[in-house]
Amino acid sequence: MFEAIKNGDLELVREELKICKNLNMADEMGSTPLNCAIYDRHAEIVKLLISSGANPNARDEDGATPLHLAVDRGAIDIVELLIDNGAKVNVEDEDGTTPLYISIEEGFESIERCLRVNGAKR
């Protein structure tokens, strides 16, 4: 499934989902299918994975969530999609970093506004 996601092959991801038992599994680098789709900015695949049961609040080995990654990638469309599907906006990773902090540090003003409108406080 990871290769199909990296290639942005929506139809192949759909086929893989028919046999995949655990959408929150991690590869050898600790990345989930959802994180992989976010990293490569494949919004339609992100949407498909979430609708198929991927956890929008799953944490990686550093305590970061998909929202942390989407903000870091500057992907406002994916940030909005994650929030609309229950991503927690005030979540901290192991270092205490929040998605809002990342948006401010990176200068992503539209993402910062989106997070604040959706309740981000820190």
N, C-alpha and C. Protein backbone atom coordinates (compact mmCIF):
# COMPACT_ATOMS: atom_id res chain seq x y z
N MET A 1 0.81 -1.19 0.00
CA MET A 1 0.00 0.00 0.00
C MET A 1 0.86 1.26 0.00
N PHE A 2 1.98 1.24 0.71
CA PHE A 2 2.82 2.43 0.81
C PHE A 2 3.30 2.89 -0.57
N GLU A 3 3.67 1.96 -1.42
CA GLU A 3 4.15 2.33 -2.76
C GLU A 3 3.03 2.99 -3.57
N ALA A 4 1.83 2.45 -3.48
CA ALA A 4 0.69 3.03 -4.19
C ALA A 4 0.42 4.45 -3.69
N ILE A 5 0.52 4.65 -2.39
CA ILE A 5 0.31 5.98 -1.81
C ILE A 5 1.39 6.93 -2.29
N LYS A 6 2.65 6.52 -2.20
CA LYS A 6 3.75 7.38 -2.63
C LYS A 6 3.62 7.79 -4.09
N ASN A 7 3.08 6.88 -4.91
CA ASN A 7 2.89 7.17 -6.33
C ASN A 7 1.60 7.94 -6.61
N GLY A 8 0.79 8.16 -5.57
CA GLY A 8 -0.46 8.89 -5.75
C GLY A 8 -1.50 8.12 -6.54
N ASP A 9 -1.41 6.79 -6.51
CA ASP A 9 -2.30 5.93 -7.28
C ASP A 9 -3.57 5.62 -6.48
N LEU A 10 -4.56 6.49 -6.61
CA LEU A 10 -5.80 6.39 -5.84
C LEU A 10 -6.51 5.06 -6.08
N GLU A 11 -6.57 4.62 -7.32
CA GLU A 11 -7.27 3.37 -7.63
C GLU A 11 -6.57 2.16 -7.01
N LEU A 12 -5.25 2.14 -7.06
CA LEU A 12 -4.52 1.03 -6.45
C LEU A 12 -4.67 1.05 -4.92
N VAL A 13 -4.69 2.24 -4.34
CA VAL A 13 -4.92 2.34 -2.89
C VAL A 13 -6.29 1.77 -2.56
N ARG A 14 -7.30 2.08 -3.38
CA ARG A 14 -8.65 1.51 -3.16
C ARG A 14 -8.60 -0.02 -3.17
N GLU A 15 -7.87 -0.58 -4.11
CA GLU A 15 -7.74 -2.04 -4.19
C GLU A 15 -7.02 -2.60 -2.97
N GLU A 16 -5.96 -1.94 -2.56
CA GLU A 16 -5.20 -2.37 -1.38
C GLU A 16 -6.06 -2.33 -0.12
N LEU A 17 -6.95 -1.35 -0.04
CA LEU A 17 -7.82 -1.22 1.13
C LEU A 17 -8.75 -2.42 1.29
N LYS A 18 -9.05 -3.10 0.20
CA LYS A 18 -9.93 -4.27 0.27
C LYS A 18 -9.28 -5.41 1.04
N ILE A 19 -7.95 -5.44 1.07
CA ILE A 19 -7.26 -6.55 1.76
C ILE A 19 -6.51 -6.10 3.01
N CYS A 20 -6.36 -4.80 3.18
CA CYS A 20 -5.62 -4.27 4.33
C CYS A 20 -6.45 -4.42 5.60
N LYS A 21 -5.86 -5.00 6.62
CA LYS A 21 -6.56 -5.22 7.89
C LYS A 21 -6.32 -4.11 8.91
N ASN A 22 -5.20 -3.41 8.80
CA ASN A 22 -4.86 -2.41 9.80
C ASN A 22 -4.32 -1.14 9.13
N LEU A 23 -5.16 -0.13 9.04
CA LEU A 23 -4.75 1.12 8.40
C LEU A 23 -3.81 1.96 9.26
N ASN A 24 -3.64 1.57 10.50
CA ASN A 24 -2.78 2.34 11.39
C ASN A 24 -1.43 1.67 11.61
N MET A 25 -1.13 0.69 10.74
CA MET A 25 0.17 0.00 10.83
C MET A 25 1.27 0.95 10.37
N ALA A 26 2.46 0.73 10.89
CA ALA A 26 3.59 1.57 10.51
C ALA A 26 4.59 0.77 9.70
N ASP A 27 5.28 1.47 8.79
CA ASP A 27 6.35 0.82 8.02
C ASP A 27 7.63 0.81 8.85
N GLU A 28 8.73 0.42 8.24
CA GLU A 28 10.00 0.32 8.96
C GLU A 28 10.52 1.67 9.46
N MET A 29 10.00 2.75 8.90
CA MET A 29 10.41 4.10 9.33
C MET A 29 9.44 4.68 10.37
N GLY A 30 8.41 3.90 10.73
CA GLY A 30 7.43 4.36 11.71
C GLY A 30 6.31 5.19 11.12
N SER A 31 6.19 5.21 9.80
CA SER A 31 5.17 6.00 9.13
C SER A 31 3.94 5.16 8.83
N THR A 32 2.77 5.71 9.07
CA THR A 32 1.52 5.04 8.73
C THR A 32 1.13 5.39 7.29
N PRO A 33 0.19 4.65 6.71
CA PRO A 33 -0.29 5.03 5.38
C PRO A 33 -0.80 6.47 5.34
N LEU A 34 -1.50 6.89 6.40
CA LEU A 34 -2.01 8.26 6.44
C LEU A 34 -0.86 9.27 6.44
N ASN A 35 0.15 9.03 7.25
CA ASN A 35 1.31 9.93 7.27
C ASN A 35 2.00 9.98 5.91
N CYS A 36 2.10 8.85 5.27
CA CYS A 36 2.73 8.78 3.95
C CYS A 36 1.96 9.65 2.95
N ALA A 37 0.63 9.53 2.95
CA ALA A 37 -0.21 10.32 2.04
C ALA A 37 -0.09 11.81 2.34
N ILE A 38 -0.02 12.15 3.62
CA ILE A 38 0.12 13.56 4.01
C ILE A 38 1.48 14.09 3.57
N TYR A 39 2.52 13.33 3.81
CA TYR A 39 3.87 13.77 3.45
C TYR A 39 3.96 14.10 1.97
N ASP A 40 3.33 13.26 1.14
CA ASP A 40 3.36 13.48 -0.31
C ASP A 40 2.22 14.36 -0.80
N ARG A 41 1.44 14.89 0.13
CA ARG A 41 0.36 15.85 -0.17
C ARG A 41 -0.69 15.30 -1.12
N HIS A 42 -1.08 14.06 -0.90
CA HIS A 42 -2.13 13.43 -1.70
C HIS A 42 -3.46 13.53 -0.95
N ALA A 43 -4.13 14.68 -1.08
CA ALA A 43 -5.34 14.95 -0.30
C ALA A 43 -6.45 13.94 -0.54
N GLU A 44 -6.64 13.51 -1.78
CA GLU A 44 -7.71 12.54 -2.06
C GLU A 44 -7.43 11.20 -1.40
N ILE A 45 -6.18 10.81 -1.34
CA ILE A 45 -5.82 9.56 -0.66
C ILE A 45 -5.99 9.73 0.85
N VAL A 46 -5.64 10.89 1.38
CA VAL A 46 -5.87 11.16 2.81
C VAL A 46 -7.35 11.00 3.12
N LYS A 47 -8.19 11.60 2.30
CA LYS A 47 -9.64 11.51 2.50
C LYS A 47 -10.11 10.06 2.46
N LEU A 48 -9.63 9.31 1.49
CA LEU A 48 -10.00 7.90 1.37
C LEU A 48 -9.55 7.10 2.59
N LEU A 49 -8.34 7.30 3.04
CA LEU A 49 -7.82 6.56 4.19
C LEU A 49 -8.62 6.87 5.45
N ILE A 50 -8.93 8.13 5.67
CA ILE A 50 -9.72 8.49 6.86
C ILE A 50 -11.11 7.88 6.79
N SER A 51 -11.73 7.96 5.62
CA SER A 51 -13.07 7.38 5.49
C SER A 51 -13.06 5.86 5.62
N SER A 52 -11.89 5.27 5.45
CA SER A 52 -11.75 3.81 5.57
C SER A 52 -11.29 3.38 6.97
N GLY A 53 -11.10 4.35 7.86
CA GLY A 53 -10.78 4.01 9.24
C GLY A 53 -9.42 4.42 9.77
N ALA A 54 -8.62 5.13 8.98
CA ALA A 54 -7.33 5.60 9.49
C ALA A 54 -7.57 6.62 10.61
N ASN A 55 -6.78 6.54 11.65
CA ASN A 55 -6.93 7.39 12.82
C ASN A 55 -6.27 8.75 12.60
N PRO A 56 -7.05 9.84 12.56
CA PRO A 56 -6.45 11.16 12.34
C PRO A 56 -5.68 11.68 13.56
N ASN A 57 -5.72 10.94 14.66
CA ASN A 57 -4.99 11.33 15.87
C ASN A 57 -3.90 10.34 16.26
N ALA A 58 -3.56 9.43 15.35
CA ALA A 58 -2.50 8.44 15.64
C ALA A 58 -1.18 9.17 15.85
N ARG A 59 -0.38 8.66 16.75
CA ARG A 59 0.91 9.29 17.04
C ARG A 59 2.05 8.45 16.50
N ASP A 60 3.09 9.14 16.02
CA ASP A 60 4.29 8.43 15.58
C ASP A 60 5.23 8.25 16.78
N GLU A 61 6.42 7.77 16.53
CA GLU A 61 7.35 7.48 17.63
C GLU A 61 7.80 8.74 18.38
N ASP A 62 7.58 9.91 17.80
CA ASP A 62 7.92 11.18 18.46
C ASP A 62 6.69 11.86 19.07
N GLY A 63 5.56 11.17 19.02
CA GLY A 63 4.34 11.73 19.58
C GLY A 63 3.61 12.70 18.66
N ALA A 64 4.12 12.86 17.44
CA ALA A 64 3.47 13.76 16.48
C ALA A 64 2.26 13.07 15.86
N THR A 65 1.29 13.88 15.50
CA THR A 65 0.07 13.37 14.87
C THR A 65 0.07 13.74 13.38
N PRO A 66 -0.88 13.19 12.62
CA PRO A 66 -1.00 13.59 11.22
C PRO A 66 -1.17 15.11 11.06
N LEU A 67 -1.83 15.76 12.02
CA LEU A 67 -1.99 17.21 11.92
C LEU A 67 -0.65 17.93 12.03
N HIS A 68 0.21 17.48 12.92
CA HIS A 68 1.57 18.05 12.99
C HIS A 68 2.24 17.98 11.62
N LEU A 69 2.16 16.82 10.99
CA LEU A 69 2.81 16.61 9.70
C LEU A 69 2.19 17.48 8.61
N ALA A 70 0.86 17.54 8.57
CA ALA A 70 0.18 18.34 7.54
C ALA A 70 0.55 19.82 7.67
N VAL A 71 0.62 20.30 8.91
CA VAL A 71 1.02 21.69 9.13
C VAL A 71 2.46 21.89 8.68
N ASP A 72 3.33 20.99 9.08
CA ASP A 72 4.74 21.09 8.69
C ASP A 72 4.92 21.10 7.18
N ARG A 73 4.08 20.36 6.47
CA ARG A 73 4.15 20.31 5.00
C ARG A 73 3.47 21.50 4.35
N GLY A 74 2.79 22.33 5.14
CA GLY A 74 2.11 23.50 4.58
C GLY A 74 0.89 23.16 3.76
N ALA A 75 0.25 22.05 4.09
CA ALA A 75 -0.87 21.53 3.31
C ALA A 75 -2.20 21.94 3.93
N ILE A 76 -2.65 23.16 3.65
CA ILE A 76 -3.88 23.68 4.25
C ILE A 76 -5.08 22.81 3.94
N ASP A 77 -5.15 22.27 2.72
CA ASP A 77 -6.30 21.43 2.37
C ASP A 77 -6.35 20.18 3.24
N ILE A 78 -5.20 19.62 3.54
CA ILE A 78 -5.15 18.42 4.37
C ILE A 78 -5.37 18.79 5.84
N VAL A 79 -4.87 19.93 6.27
CA VAL A 79 -5.13 20.41 7.63
C VAL A 79 -6.63 20.51 7.85
N GLU A 80 -7.33 21.15 6.92
CA GLU A 80 -8.79 21.30 7.03
C GLU A 80 -9.49 19.94 7.04
N LEU A 81 -9.04 19.05 6.19
CA LEU A 81 -9.62 17.71 6.11
C LEU A 81 -9.45 16.96 7.43
N LEU A 82 -8.27 17.02 8.00
CA LEU A 82 -8.01 16.35 9.27
C LEU A 82 -8.88 16.93 10.39
N ILE A 83 -8.95 18.25 10.46
CA ILE A 83 -9.77 18.89 11.50
C ILE A 83 -11.23 18.50 11.33
N ASP A 84 -11.71 18.52 10.09
CA ASP A 84 -13.10 18.14 9.82
C ASP A 84 -13.39 16.69 10.22
N ASN A 85 -12.34 15.89 10.34
CA ASN A 85 -12.51 14.48 10.68
C ASN A 85 -12.00 14.15 12.09
N GLY A 86 -11.97 15.16 12.95
CA GLY A 86 -11.71 14.91 14.35
C GLY A 86 -10.29 15.06 14.85
N ALA A 87 -9.39 15.59 14.04
CA ALA A 87 -8.02 15.79 14.52
C ALA A 87 -8.02 16.81 15.66
N LYS A 88 -7.29 16.52 16.71
CA LYS A 88 -7.20 17.40 17.87
C LYS A 88 -6.20 18.52 17.57
N VAL A 89 -6.66 19.77 17.68
CA VAL A 89 -5.81 20.90 17.28
C VAL A 89 -4.81 21.33 18.35
N ASN A 90 -5.05 20.99 19.60
CA ASN A 90 -4.15 21.41 20.68
C ASN A 90 -3.21 20.32 21.15
N VAL A 91 -3.06 19.28 20.37
CA VAL A 91 -2.22 18.15 20.75
C VAL A 91 -0.74 18.54 20.71
N GLU A 92 0.02 18.00 21.67
CA GLU A 92 1.46 18.25 21.73
C GLU A 92 2.22 16.97 21.42
N ASP A 93 3.35 17.11 20.73
CA ASP A 93 4.23 15.95 20.54
C ASP A 93 5.10 15.80 21.79
N GLU A 94 6.05 14.90 21.76
CA GLU A 94 6.88 14.64 22.95
C GLU A 94 7.70 15.84 23.39
N ASP A 95 7.96 16.77 22.48
CA ASP A 95 8.72 17.98 22.81
C ASP A 95 7.83 19.13 23.24
N GLY A 96 6.51 18.89 23.26
CA GLY A 96 5.57 19.94 23.62
C GLY A 96 5.18 20.83 22.46
N THR A 97 5.55 20.45 21.26
CA THR A 97 5.25 21.24 20.07
C THR A 97 3.82 20.97 19.60
N THR A 98 3.09 22.03 19.32
CA THR A 98 1.72 21.91 18.82
C THR A 98 1.69 22.26 17.33
N PRO A 99 0.62 21.86 16.64
CA PRO A 99 0.47 22.28 15.25
C PRO A 99 0.47 23.81 15.09
N LEU A 100 -0.16 24.51 16.03
CA LEU A 100 -0.18 25.98 15.97
C LEU A 100 1.24 26.55 16.04
N TYR A 101 2.05 26.02 16.92
CA TYR A 101 3.44 26.47 17.04
C TYR A 101 4.18 26.28 15.71
N ILE A 102 3.99 25.12 15.09
CA ILE A 102 4.65 24.85 13.80
C ILE A 102 4.20 25.87 12.76
N SER A 103 2.89 26.14 12.71
CA SER A 103 2.38 27.07 11.70
C SER A 103 2.98 28.46 11.88
N ILE A 104 3.14 28.89 13.12
CA ILE A 104 3.72 30.20 13.40
C ILE A 104 5.21 30.21 13.02
N GLU A 105 5.93 29.18 13.44
CA GLU A 105 7.36 29.09 13.15
C GLU A 105 7.64 29.06 11.65
N GLU A 106 6.78 28.39 10.89
CA GLU A 106 6.98 28.26 9.45
C GLU A 106 6.39 29.43 8.66
N GLY A 107 5.63 30.29 9.33
CA GLY A 107 5.03 31.43 8.65
C GLY A 107 3.83 31.08 7.79
N PHE A 108 3.15 30.00 8.15
CA PHE A 108 1.96 29.57 7.40
C PHE A 108 0.73 30.27 7.99
N GLU A 109 0.50 31.51 7.58
CA GLU A 109 -0.55 32.33 8.17
C GLU A 109 -1.95 31.76 7.95
N SER A 110 -2.22 31.22 6.78
CA SER A 110 -3.56 30.67 6.53
C SER A 110 -3.81 29.43 7.40
N ILE A 111 -2.77 28.65 7.61
CA ILE A 111 -2.92 27.48 8.48
C ILE A 111 -3.08 27.94 9.93
N GLU A 112 -2.32 28.93 10.33
CA GLU A 112 -2.46 29.47 11.69
C GLU A 112 -3.89 29.95 11.93
N ARG A 113 -4.45 30.70 10.97
CA ARG A 113 -5.83 31.17 11.10
C ARG A 113 -6.80 30.01 11.20
N CYS A 114 -6.62 29.01 10.34
CA CYS A 114 -7.49 27.84 10.35
C CYS A 114 -7.45 27.15 11.72
N LEU A 115 -6.26 26.97 12.25
CA LEU A 115 -6.13 26.31 13.56
C LEU A 115 -6.79 27.14 14.66
N ARG A 116 -6.58 28.44 14.64
CA ARG A 116 -7.17 29.30 15.67
C ARG A 116 -8.69 29.30 15.58
N VAL A 117 -9.22 29.37 14.37
CA VAL A 117 -10.68 29.34 14.18
C VAL A 117 -11.26 28.03 14.73
N ASN A 118 -10.46 26.98 14.68
CA ASN A 118 -10.91 25.68 15.14
C ASN A 118 -10.48 25.36 16.58
N GLY A 119 -10.11 26.40 17.32
CA GLY A 119 -9.88 26.24 18.75
C GLY A 119 -8.45 26.10 19.23
N ALA A 120 -7.47 26.22 18.34
CA ALA A 120 -6.08 26.10 18.77
C ALA A 120 -5.73 27.28 19.68
N LYS A 121 -5.11 26.95 20.80
CA LYS A 121 -4.79 27.97 21.80
C LYS A 121 -3.29 28.16 21.99
N ARG A 122 -2.51 27.16 21.65
CA ARG A 122 -1.07 27.25 21.94
C ARG A 122 -0.26 26.61 20.85
